[in-house]
């Protein structure tokens, strides 16, 4: 929320912000491509590590670095979000039983998206009250601390890409073969 204001007051205005957002789009695409190839052994640890990159743009705005460096930070942030979201959603689909998946997924999105407008609504008044730099550093710290807490959680670290929930629950992945594909239509 504070990026466009800082861009207007301390950089080159809309031109700077447009370049920063363009770098973010390129970063998001790059993060998605990386997610196609990179398979961390502990996908949720990789998720939280990637999401922690969200602190970079806030730090790059305190005091504002040159536009190109903010753009690089924003591109890395978007790559981290795309990669982390891919790892999270893939793990969720693998680990949560099919009959509960829609409820669990909707709950994760409810929590994630309901906090977003609260942060956006508080950004302006807080920056007026304590200063823009303080808000940006606080936001970056909140991201890093919450992601570190996620990584520190034993159940997050216990999930590996090699052991889906069904295999861990039954003791062996060989006990129940995958379902046969449906018969072709006549």
Protein backbone atom coordinates (compact mmCIF):
# COMPACT_ATOMS: atom_id res chain seq x y z
CA UNK A 1 0.00 0.00 0.00
CA UNK A 2 2.86 2.40 0.69
CA UNK A 3 4.84 1.59 -2.47
CA UNK A 4 2.87 3.86 -4.82
CA UNK A 5 3.03 6.72 -2.30
CA UNK A 6 6.79 6.34 -1.92
CA UNK A 7 7.17 6.01 -5.67
CA UNK A 8 5.25 9.25 -6.17
CA UNK A 9 7.06 11.22 -3.49
CA UNK A 10 10.62 9.88 -3.68
CA UNK A 11 11.11 8.13 -7.04
CA UNK A 12 9.84 8.88 -10.56
CA UNK A 13 6.16 8.41 -9.80
CA UNK A 14 4.01 6.21 -12.02
CA UNK A 15 6.95 5.31 -14.26
CA UNK A 16 8.86 3.83 -11.33
CA UNK A 17 5.83 2.02 -9.97
CA UNK A 18 5.04 0.60 -13.41
CA UNK A 19 8.58 -0.77 -13.72
CA UNK A 20 8.39 -2.26 -10.23
CA UNK A 21 5.07 -3.98 -10.97
CA UNK A 22 6.38 -5.27 -14.31
CA UNK A 23 9.35 -6.83 -12.53
CA UNK A 24 6.87 -8.42 -10.13
CA UNK A 25 4.94 -9.99 -13.00
CA UNK A 26 8.15 -11.37 -14.48
CA UNK A 27 9.13 -12.66 -11.05
CA UNK A 28 5.77 -14.38 -10.59
CA UNK A 29 6.12 -16.13 -13.92
CA UNK A 30 9.68 -17.13 -13.06
CA UNK A 31 8.60 -18.50 -9.67
CA UNK A 32 5.95 -20.60 -11.36
CA UNK A 33 8.51 -21.99 -13.80
CA UNK A 34 10.91 -22.75 -10.95
CA UNK A 35 8.11 -24.62 -9.17
CA UNK A 36 7.78 -26.88 -12.21
CA UNK A 37 11.38 -28.06 -11.79
CA UNK A 38 12.36 -27.68 -8.14
CA UNK A 39 10.99 -30.25 -5.71
CA UNK A 40 12.19 -29.55 -2.16
CA UNK A 41 12.46 -32.58 0.10
CA UNK A 42 10.44 -30.66 2.72
CA UNK A 43 7.90 -28.75 0.63
CA UNK A 44 6.33 -26.73 3.44
CA UNK A 45 9.73 -25.61 4.68
CA UNK A 46 10.40 -24.49 1.10
CA UNK A 47 7.01 -22.78 1.08
CA UNK A 48 7.67 -20.74 4.19
CA UNK A 49 11.23 -19.94 3.09
CA UNK A 50 9.91 -18.68 -0.25
CA UNK A 51 7.14 -16.69 1.42
CA UNK A 52 9.70 -15.02 3.70
CA UNK A 53 11.01 -13.24 0.60
CA UNK A 54 7.93 -11.02 0.99
CA UNK A 55 10.04 -8.89 3.33
CA UNK A 56 12.35 -7.77 0.50
CA UNK A 57 10.19 -5.08 -1.13
CA UNK A 58 9.36 -3.48 2.22
CA UNK A 59 13.04 -3.32 3.14
CA UNK A 60 13.92 -1.97 -0.34
CA UNK A 61 11.56 0.95 0.30
CA UNK A 62 13.35 1.97 3.57
CA UNK A 63 14.76 4.47 2.57
CA UNK A 64 13.89 3.84 -1.01
CA UNK A 65 16.62 2.20 -3.02
CA UNK A 66 16.84 3.08 -6.73
CA UNK A 67 13.86 1.94 -8.77
CA UNK A 68 15.76 -0.90 -10.42
CA UNK A 69 16.73 -2.42 -7.05
CA UNK A 70 13.17 -2.13 -5.72
CA UNK A 71 12.02 -3.80 -8.95
CA UNK A 72 14.48 -6.66 -8.40
CA UNK A 73 13.27 -7.05 -4.79
CA UNK A 74 9.65 -7.05 -5.95
CA UNK A 75 10.42 -9.59 -8.68
CA UNK A 76 12.11 -11.90 -6.16
CA UNK A 77 9.14 -11.45 -3.81
CA UNK A 78 6.64 -12.41 -6.51
CA UNK A 79 8.79 -15.39 -7.52
CA UNK A 80 8.74 -16.51 -3.88
CA UNK A 81 4.98 -16.12 -3.65
CA UNK A 82 4.37 -18.09 -6.87
CA UNK A 83 6.79 -20.83 -5.86
CA UNK A 84 5.51 -20.99 -2.28
CA UNK A 85 1.86 -21.06 -3.32
CA UNK A 86 2.58 -23.88 -5.75
CA UNK A 87 4.37 -25.94 -3.09
CA UNK A 88 1.63 -25.22 -0.53
CA UNK A 89 -1.28 -26.12 -2.81
CA UNK A 90 0.46 -29.27 -4.06
CA UNK A 91 1.20 -30.39 -0.51
CA UNK A 92 -2.34 -29.58 0.59
CA UNK A 93 -3.79 -31.71 -2.21
CA UNK A 94 -1.47 -34.59 -1.39
CA UNK A 95 -1.81 -34.48 2.41
CA UNK A 96 -5.49 -33.67 2.98
CA UNK A 97 -8.08 -36.39 2.35
CA UNK A 98 -10.18 -35.65 -0.74
CA UNK A 99 -13.43 -35.38 1.23
CA UNK A 100 -11.94 -32.60 3.39
CA UNK A 101 -9.85 -30.79 0.80
CA UNK A 102 -12.40 -28.15 -0.21
CA UNK A 103 -13.07 -27.22 3.43
CA UNK A 104 -9.40 -27.05 4.36
CA UNK A 105 -8.50 -25.09 1.24
CA UNK A 106 -11.35 -22.62 1.73
CA UNK A 107 -10.27 -22.11 5.35
CA UNK A 108 -6.66 -21.39 4.34
CA UNK A 109 -7.85 -18.85 1.78
CA UNK A 110 -10.27 -17.30 4.29
CA UNK A 111 -7.46 -16.72 6.77
CA UNK A 112 -5.01 -15.50 4.13
CA UNK A 113 -7.39 -13.16 2.36
CA UNK A 114 -9.24 -11.82 5.40
CA UNK A 115 -6.01 -10.42 6.86
CA UNK A 116 -5.06 -8.63 3.64
CA UNK A 117 -7.62 -5.80 3.79
CA UNK A 118 -6.90 -5.29 7.50
CA UNK A 119 -3.23 -4.69 6.74
CA UNK A 120 -4.12 -2.44 3.83
CA UNK A 121 -6.53 -0.40 5.94
CA UNK A 122 -3.97 0.03 8.72
CA UNK A 123 -0.98 0.92 6.50
CA UNK A 124 -1.90 4.56 5.95
CA UNK A 125 -2.99 5.50 9.49
CA UNK A 126 -0.04 3.62 11.02
CA UNK A 127 2.46 5.32 8.73
CA UNK A 128 0.96 8.69 9.71
CA UNK A 129 1.22 7.77 13.40
CA UNK A 130 4.66 6.11 13.59
CA UNK A 131 6.29 6.83 10.24
CA UNK A 132 6.45 5.02 6.93
CA UNK A 133 9.86 3.48 7.58
CA UNK A 134 8.69 2.03 10.90
CA UNK A 135 5.62 0.47 9.27
CA UNK A 136 7.70 -1.05 6.46
CA UNK A 137 10.32 -2.47 8.84
CA UNK A 138 7.53 -3.79 11.08
CA UNK A 139 5.80 -5.44 8.12
CA UNK A 140 9.07 -7.05 7.00
CA UNK A 141 9.73 -8.29 10.54
CA UNK A 142 6.21 -9.70 10.81
CA UNK A 143 6.71 -11.65 7.58
CA UNK A 144 10.08 -13.06 8.60
CA UNK A 145 8.99 -13.97 12.13
CA UNK A 146 5.74 -15.64 11.01
CA UNK A 147 7.55 -17.63 8.29
CA UNK A 148 10.28 -18.65 10.76
CA UNK A 149 7.56 -19.81 13.16
CA UNK A 150 6.07 -21.90 10.37
CA UNK A 151 9.44 -23.47 9.60
CA UNK A 152 10.05 -24.13 13.30
CA UNK A 153 6.78 -26.07 13.63
CA UNK A 154 7.59 -29.81 13.85
CA UNK A 155 4.54 -30.87 11.83
CA UNK A 156 5.61 -28.57 8.99
CA UNK A 157 9.12 -30.02 8.95
CA UNK A 158 7.77 -33.60 9.18
CA UNK A 159 6.04 -33.45 5.82
CA UNK A 160 8.30 -34.68 3.06
CA UNK A 161 7.62 -35.05 -0.62
CA UNK A 162 8.46 -38.75 -0.47
CA UNK A 163 5.85 -39.76 2.09
CA UNK A 164 2.24 -38.86 1.25
CA UNK A 165 -0.27 -38.98 4.11
CA UNK A 166 -1.90 -42.21 2.89
CA UNK A 167 1.44 -44.04 2.88
CA UNK A 168 2.32 -42.81 6.38
CA UNK A 169 -1.12 -43.74 7.73
CA UNK A 170 -1.13 -47.27 6.32
CA UNK A 171 2.53 -47.97 6.97
CA UNK A 172 3.38 -48.72 3.36
CA UNK A 173 2.62 -47.19 0.02
CA UNK A 174 2.37 -50.72 -1.47
CA UNK A 175 -0.68 -51.84 0.57
CA UNK A 176 -3.29 -50.15 -1.60
CA UNK A 177 -2.72 -49.79 -5.32
CA UNK A 178 -3.89 -46.63 -7.03
CA UNK A 179 -7.42 -46.76 -8.41
CA UNK A 180 -7.78 -48.02 -11.96
CA UNK A 181 -8.60 -45.44 -14.60
CA UNK A 182 -12.20 -45.35 -15.75
CA UNK A 183 -13.17 -47.49 -18.71
CA UNK A 184 -13.19 -45.64 -22.03
CA UNK A 185 -16.55 -44.56 -23.38
CA UNK A 186 -17.97 -46.68 -26.21
